[in-house]
């Protein structure tokens, strides 16, 4: 079976597509933003990336959300809930973690189906 790797470096790929399933991880690019701003930035990047490969936010099957401070889950959830199309909530875990870059407040790993 074909494995399609997009944006591959020596350490990671931006996206992997296998068996009509999309795997990706996104981090915010606006590192000076607060949790709400970083979440909006990150979700916009996810939405664009999914569209590029033929999927959409309504096709997300599973998401793992890493927050630098779990106390900011309310602010994150407010934006997440408004962003997701009604009736398409994926399986989800939200974890507090020390992220690789101290300026990251949020990071998301997800799996989505292709359209």
N, C-alpha and C. Protein backbone atom coordinates (compact mmCIF):
# COMPACT_ATOMS: atom_id res chain seq x y z
N UNK A 1 0.83 -1.18 0.00
CA UNK A 1 0.00 0.00 0.00
C UNK A 1 0.87 1.25 0.00
N UNK A 2 0.44 2.22 -0.75
CA UNK A 2 1.18 3.46 -0.89
C UNK A 2 1.07 4.32 0.37
N UNK A 3 2.18 4.85 0.81
CA UNK A 3 2.22 5.83 1.89
C UNK A 3 2.69 7.13 1.25
N UNK A 4 1.86 8.16 1.31
CA UNK A 4 2.17 9.47 0.73
C UNK A 4 2.61 10.40 1.85
N UNK A 5 3.88 10.81 1.82
CA UNK A 5 4.43 11.71 2.82
C UNK A 5 4.58 13.09 2.20
N UNK A 6 4.07 14.10 2.89
CA UNK A 6 4.10 15.47 2.39
C UNK A 6 4.91 16.32 3.36
N UNK A 7 5.80 17.15 2.83
CA UNK A 7 6.62 18.02 3.67
C UNK A 7 7.58 17.25 4.55
N UNK A 8 8.18 16.22 3.99
CA UNK A 8 9.04 15.34 4.77
C UNK A 8 10.44 15.93 4.95
N UNK A 9 10.91 15.90 6.18
CA UNK A 9 12.27 16.29 6.53
C UNK A 9 12.97 15.05 7.10
N UNK A 10 14.16 15.22 7.61
CA UNK A 10 14.85 14.09 8.22
C UNK A 10 14.21 13.68 9.54
N UNK A 11 13.39 14.56 10.12
CA UNK A 11 12.81 14.28 11.44
C UNK A 11 11.32 14.00 11.43
N UNK A 12 10.56 14.63 10.52
CA UNK A 12 9.10 14.44 10.49
C UNK A 12 8.54 14.77 9.12
N UNK A 13 7.28 14.41 8.95
CA UNK A 13 6.52 14.81 7.77
C UNK A 13 5.39 15.72 8.25
N UNK A 14 5.01 16.67 7.41
CA UNK A 14 3.89 17.55 7.76
C UNK A 14 2.58 16.78 7.75
N UNK A 15 2.42 15.90 6.77
CA UNK A 15 1.21 15.10 6.60
C UNK A 15 1.60 13.74 6.06
N UNK A 16 0.89 12.72 6.52
CA UNK A 16 1.02 11.39 5.92
C UNK A 16 -0.38 10.92 5.56
N UNK A 17 -0.50 10.40 4.35
CA UNK A 17 -1.77 9.84 3.90
C UNK A 17 -1.53 8.35 3.60
N UNK A 18 -2.37 7.53 4.20
CA UNK A 18 -2.29 6.09 3.98
C UNK A 18 -3.68 5.50 4.12
N UNK A 19 -4.06 4.69 3.16
CA UNK A 19 -5.33 3.98 3.25
C UNK A 19 -6.52 4.93 3.45
N UNK A 20 -6.53 6.04 2.69
CA UNK A 20 -7.60 7.04 2.75
C UNK A 20 -7.74 7.69 4.13
N UNK A 21 -6.62 7.73 4.85
CA UNK A 21 -6.59 8.36 6.17
C UNK A 21 -5.44 9.36 6.20
N UNK A 22 -5.72 10.53 6.79
CA UNK A 22 -4.75 11.62 6.89
C UNK A 22 -4.27 11.70 8.33
N UNK A 23 -2.95 11.79 8.50
CA UNK A 23 -2.34 11.94 9.82
C UNK A 23 -1.57 13.25 9.81
N UNK A 24 -1.80 14.09 10.81
CA UNK A 24 -1.03 15.33 10.86
C UNK A 24 -0.91 15.87 12.26
N UNK A 25 0.11 16.70 12.44
CA UNK A 25 0.35 17.44 13.68
C UNK A 25 0.57 18.88 13.28
N UNK A 26 -0.06 19.79 14.01
CA UNK A 26 0.14 21.22 13.75
C UNK A 26 0.50 21.93 15.05
N UNK A 27 1.32 22.95 14.90
CA UNK A 27 1.67 23.85 15.99
C UNK A 27 1.37 25.27 15.53
N UNK A 28 1.15 26.19 16.46
CA UNK A 28 0.84 27.56 16.05
C UNK A 28 2.07 28.26 15.48
N UNK A 29 1.82 29.21 14.60
CA UNK A 29 2.93 30.00 14.05
C UNK A 29 3.01 31.38 14.71
N UNK A 30 1.98 31.77 15.45
CA UNK A 30 1.97 33.07 16.13
C UNK A 30 2.36 32.89 17.59
N UNK A 31 3.63 32.71 17.83
CA UNK A 31 4.11 32.33 19.16
C UNK A 31 4.01 33.44 20.20
N UNK A 32 3.69 34.65 19.78
CA UNK A 32 3.50 35.73 20.75
C UNK A 32 2.04 35.85 21.16
N UNK A 33 1.16 35.02 20.59
CA UNK A 33 -0.26 35.08 20.89
C UNK A 33 -0.63 34.36 22.18
N UNK A 34 -1.80 34.71 22.72
CA UNK A 34 -2.31 34.01 23.89
C UNK A 34 -2.96 32.70 23.44
N UNK A 35 -3.53 31.93 24.36
CA UNK A 35 -4.08 30.62 24.02
C UNK A 35 -5.18 30.74 22.97
N UNK A 36 -6.03 31.75 23.06
CA UNK A 36 -7.10 31.91 22.08
C UNK A 36 -6.54 32.22 20.70
N UNK A 37 -5.58 33.12 20.64
CA UNK A 37 -4.98 33.49 19.35
C UNK A 37 -4.21 32.32 18.75
N UNK A 38 -3.46 31.60 19.57
CA UNK A 38 -2.73 30.44 19.04
C UNK A 38 -3.69 29.35 18.58
N UNK A 39 -4.78 29.15 19.30
CA UNK A 39 -5.75 28.13 18.91
C UNK A 39 -6.39 28.49 17.57
N UNK A 40 -6.80 29.74 17.41
CA UNK A 40 -7.39 30.18 16.14
C UNK A 40 -6.40 29.99 15.00
N UNK A 41 -5.15 30.36 15.21
CA UNK A 41 -4.10 30.21 14.21
C UNK A 41 -3.90 28.75 13.85
N UNK A 42 -3.83 27.91 14.85
CA UNK A 42 -3.59 26.49 14.67
C UNK A 42 -4.75 25.81 13.94
N UNK A 43 -5.98 26.13 14.32
CA UNK A 43 -7.13 25.51 13.67
C UNK A 43 -7.27 25.97 12.22
N UNK A 44 -6.93 27.22 11.94
CA UNK A 44 -6.94 27.69 10.55
C UNK A 44 -5.91 26.93 9.72
N UNK A 45 -4.74 26.68 10.30
CA UNK A 45 -3.70 25.92 9.60
C UNK A 45 -4.16 24.48 9.36
N UNK A 46 -4.80 23.88 10.34
CA UNK A 46 -5.32 22.51 10.18
C UNK A 46 -6.37 22.47 9.08
N UNK A 47 -7.28 23.42 9.10
CA UNK A 47 -8.34 23.45 8.10
C UNK A 47 -7.77 23.58 6.69
N UNK A 48 -6.78 24.46 6.54
CA UNK A 48 -6.14 24.66 5.23
C UNK A 48 -5.39 23.40 4.80
N UNK A 49 -4.67 22.79 5.72
CA UNK A 49 -3.89 21.60 5.39
C UNK A 49 -4.82 20.45 4.98
N UNK A 50 -5.91 20.27 5.71
CA UNK A 50 -6.86 19.22 5.36
C UNK A 50 -7.45 19.47 3.97
N UNK A 51 -7.80 20.71 3.68
CA UNK A 51 -8.35 21.03 2.35
C UNK A 51 -7.34 20.74 1.25
N UNK A 52 -6.07 21.03 1.49
CA UNK A 52 -5.01 20.79 0.51
C UNK A 52 -4.93 19.32 0.11
N UNK A 53 -5.21 18.43 1.05
CA UNK A 53 -5.06 17.00 0.76
C UNK A 53 -6.39 16.31 0.46
N UNK A 54 -7.48 17.08 0.40
CA UNK A 54 -8.75 16.50 0.02
C UNK A 54 -9.62 16.04 1.18
N UNK A 55 -9.44 16.64 2.33
CA UNK A 55 -10.27 16.31 3.48
C UNK A 55 -10.85 17.60 4.05
N UNK A 56 -11.43 17.52 5.23
CA UNK A 56 -12.00 18.71 5.86
C UNK A 56 -12.11 18.49 7.36
N UNK A 57 -12.39 19.58 8.08
CA UNK A 57 -12.50 19.48 9.54
C UNK A 57 -13.68 18.61 9.96
N UNK A 58 -14.68 18.47 9.12
CA UNK A 58 -15.80 17.59 9.41
C UNK A 58 -15.45 16.11 9.31
N UNK A 59 -14.26 15.81 8.77
CA UNK A 59 -13.81 14.41 8.61
C UNK A 59 -12.79 14.00 9.67
N UNK A 60 -12.57 14.84 10.67
CA UNK A 60 -11.61 14.49 11.71
C UNK A 60 -12.17 13.33 12.53
N UNK A 61 -11.37 12.28 12.66
CA UNK A 61 -11.78 11.08 13.39
C UNK A 61 -11.31 11.10 14.84
N UNK A 62 -10.08 11.61 15.05
CA UNK A 62 -9.49 11.59 16.38
C UNK A 62 -8.55 12.78 16.52
N UNK A 63 -8.58 13.41 17.68
CA UNK A 63 -7.67 14.52 17.96
C UNK A 63 -7.07 14.37 19.35
N UNK A 64 -5.79 14.64 19.43
CA UNK A 64 -5.12 14.73 20.72
C UNK A 64 -4.62 16.16 20.84
N UNK A 65 -5.07 16.85 21.87
CA UNK A 65 -4.72 18.25 22.09
C UNK A 65 -3.77 18.32 23.27
N UNK A 66 -2.66 18.97 23.05
CA UNK A 66 -1.66 19.16 24.09
C UNK A 66 -1.69 20.63 24.49
N UNK A 67 -1.95 20.89 25.75
CA UNK A 67 -1.95 22.25 26.27
C UNK A 67 -0.80 22.42 27.24
N UNK A 68 -0.11 23.55 27.13
CA UNK A 68 0.98 23.84 28.07
C UNK A 68 0.42 24.06 29.47
N UNK A 69 -0.82 24.55 29.56
CA UNK A 69 -1.48 24.80 30.84
C UNK A 69 -2.92 24.32 30.74
N UNK A 70 -3.24 23.22 31.40
CA UNK A 70 -4.58 22.63 31.32
C UNK A 70 -5.64 23.59 31.84
N UNK A 71 -5.27 24.56 32.63
CA UNK A 71 -6.22 25.56 33.12
C UNK A 71 -6.75 26.44 32.00
N UNK A 72 -6.14 26.38 30.81
CA UNK A 72 -6.60 27.16 29.67
C UNK A 72 -7.54 26.36 28.77
N UNK A 73 -8.00 25.21 29.25
CA UNK A 73 -8.87 24.37 28.44
C UNK A 73 -10.19 25.06 28.11
N UNK A 74 -10.70 25.88 28.99
CA UNK A 74 -11.95 26.59 28.72
C UNK A 74 -11.83 27.51 27.52
N UNK A 75 -10.75 28.28 27.46
CA UNK A 75 -10.51 29.19 26.33
C UNK A 75 -10.31 28.38 25.05
N UNK A 76 -9.58 27.28 25.14
CA UNK A 76 -9.39 26.42 23.98
C UNK A 76 -10.72 25.85 23.50
N UNK A 77 -11.50 25.29 24.43
CA UNK A 77 -12.77 24.65 24.06
C UNK A 77 -13.75 25.63 23.42
N UNK A 78 -13.75 26.87 23.87
CA UNK A 78 -14.65 27.86 23.29
C UNK A 78 -14.40 28.01 21.79
N UNK A 79 -13.15 28.07 21.40
CA UNK A 79 -12.79 28.22 19.99
C UNK A 79 -12.98 26.90 19.24
N UNK A 80 -12.55 25.81 19.83
CA UNK A 80 -12.70 24.48 19.23
C UNK A 80 -14.17 24.19 18.93
N UNK A 81 -15.04 24.42 19.92
CA UNK A 81 -16.47 24.12 19.76
C UNK A 81 -17.11 24.95 18.65
N UNK A 82 -16.71 26.21 18.52
CA UNK A 82 -17.25 27.06 17.46
C UNK A 82 -16.70 26.68 16.09
N UNK A 83 -15.50 26.12 16.05
CA UNK A 83 -14.83 25.76 14.80
C UNK A 83 -15.36 24.47 14.19
N UNK A 84 -15.66 23.49 15.03
CA UNK A 84 -16.12 22.18 14.52
C UNK A 84 -17.54 22.28 13.97
N UNK A 85 -17.79 21.67 12.82
CA UNK A 85 -19.16 21.62 12.32
C UNK A 85 -20.04 20.79 13.28
N UNK A 86 -21.26 21.22 13.46
CA UNK A 86 -22.19 20.52 14.36
C UNK A 86 -22.30 19.05 13.98
N UNK A 87 -22.29 18.19 14.98
CA UNK A 87 -22.47 16.76 14.76
C UNK A 87 -21.25 16.01 14.27
N UNK A 88 -20.06 16.66 14.25
CA UNK A 88 -18.87 15.99 13.72
C UNK A 88 -17.75 15.86 14.75
N UNK A 89 -18.08 15.98 16.01
CA UNK A 89 -17.03 15.91 17.04
C UNK A 89 -16.27 14.59 16.96
N UNK A 90 -14.94 14.66 16.92
CA UNK A 90 -14.13 13.44 16.86
C UNK A 90 -13.91 12.85 18.25
N UNK A 91 -13.35 11.67 18.29
CA UNK A 91 -12.81 11.14 19.53
C UNK A 91 -11.68 12.10 19.91
N UNK A 92 -11.59 12.44 21.21
CA UNK A 92 -10.64 13.49 21.57
C UNK A 92 -10.05 13.27 22.95
N UNK A 93 -8.78 13.61 23.09
CA UNK A 93 -8.11 13.64 24.39
C UNK A 93 -7.44 15.00 24.51
N UNK A 94 -7.43 15.52 25.71
CA UNK A 94 -6.76 16.80 25.96
C UNK A 94 -5.83 16.59 27.14
N UNK A 95 -4.55 16.90 26.91
CA UNK A 95 -3.50 16.56 27.85
C UNK A 95 -2.66 17.80 28.15
N UNK A 96 -2.30 17.97 29.41
CA UNK A 96 -1.33 19.01 29.74
C UNK A 96 0.06 18.43 29.51
N UNK A 97 0.90 19.20 28.82
CA UNK A 97 2.24 18.70 28.49
C UNK A 97 3.23 19.86 28.38
N UNK A 98 4.47 19.55 28.68
CA UNK A 98 5.53 20.51 28.42
C UNK A 98 5.88 20.33 26.94
N UNK A 99 5.60 21.36 26.15
CA UNK A 99 5.77 21.27 24.70
C UNK A 99 7.21 21.58 24.31
N UNK A 100 7.60 21.15 23.12
CA UNK A 100 8.99 21.26 22.67
C UNK A 100 9.49 22.70 22.61
N UNK A 101 8.60 23.63 22.26
CA UNK A 101 8.95 25.05 22.24
C UNK A 101 8.21 25.71 23.39
N UNK A 102 8.91 26.39 24.28
CA UNK A 102 8.23 27.00 25.44
C UNK A 102 7.21 28.08 25.06
N UNK A 103 7.23 28.56 23.83
CA UNK A 103 6.26 29.55 23.38
C UNK A 103 4.98 28.91 22.83
N UNK A 104 4.99 27.59 22.60
CA UNK A 104 3.77 26.90 22.19
C UNK A 104 2.85 26.80 23.40
N UNK A 105 1.61 27.21 23.23
CA UNK A 105 0.60 27.04 24.27
C UNK A 105 -0.30 25.86 23.94
N UNK A 106 -0.30 25.44 22.67
CA UNK A 106 -1.15 24.35 22.21
C UNK A 106 -0.51 23.66 21.01
N UNK A 107 -0.74 22.37 20.92
CA UNK A 107 -0.31 21.57 19.77
C UNK A 107 -1.40 20.52 19.56
N UNK A 108 -1.68 20.21 18.30
CA UNK A 108 -2.75 19.24 18.00
C UNK A 108 -2.24 18.17 17.05
N UNK A 109 -2.52 16.93 17.40
CA UNK A 109 -2.25 15.77 16.57
C UNK A 109 -3.61 15.19 16.18
N UNK A 110 -3.80 14.89 14.89
CA UNK A 110 -5.11 14.37 14.51
C UNK A 110 -5.04 13.38 13.37
N UNK A 111 -6.13 12.65 13.26
CA UNK A 111 -6.35 11.68 12.19
C UNK A 111 -7.68 12.05 11.55
N UNK A 112 -7.71 12.10 10.21
CA UNK A 112 -8.93 12.44 9.48
C UNK A 112 -9.10 11.50 8.30
N UNK A 113 -10.34 11.33 7.89
CA UNK A 113 -10.63 10.54 6.70
C UNK A 113 -10.55 11.45 5.48
N UNK A 114 -10.15 10.87 4.34
CA UNK A 114 -10.22 11.62 3.08
C UNK A 114 -11.67 11.66 2.63
N UNK A 115 -12.00 12.67 1.84
CA UNK A 115 -13.37 12.80 1.32
C UNK A 115 -13.66 11.71 0.32
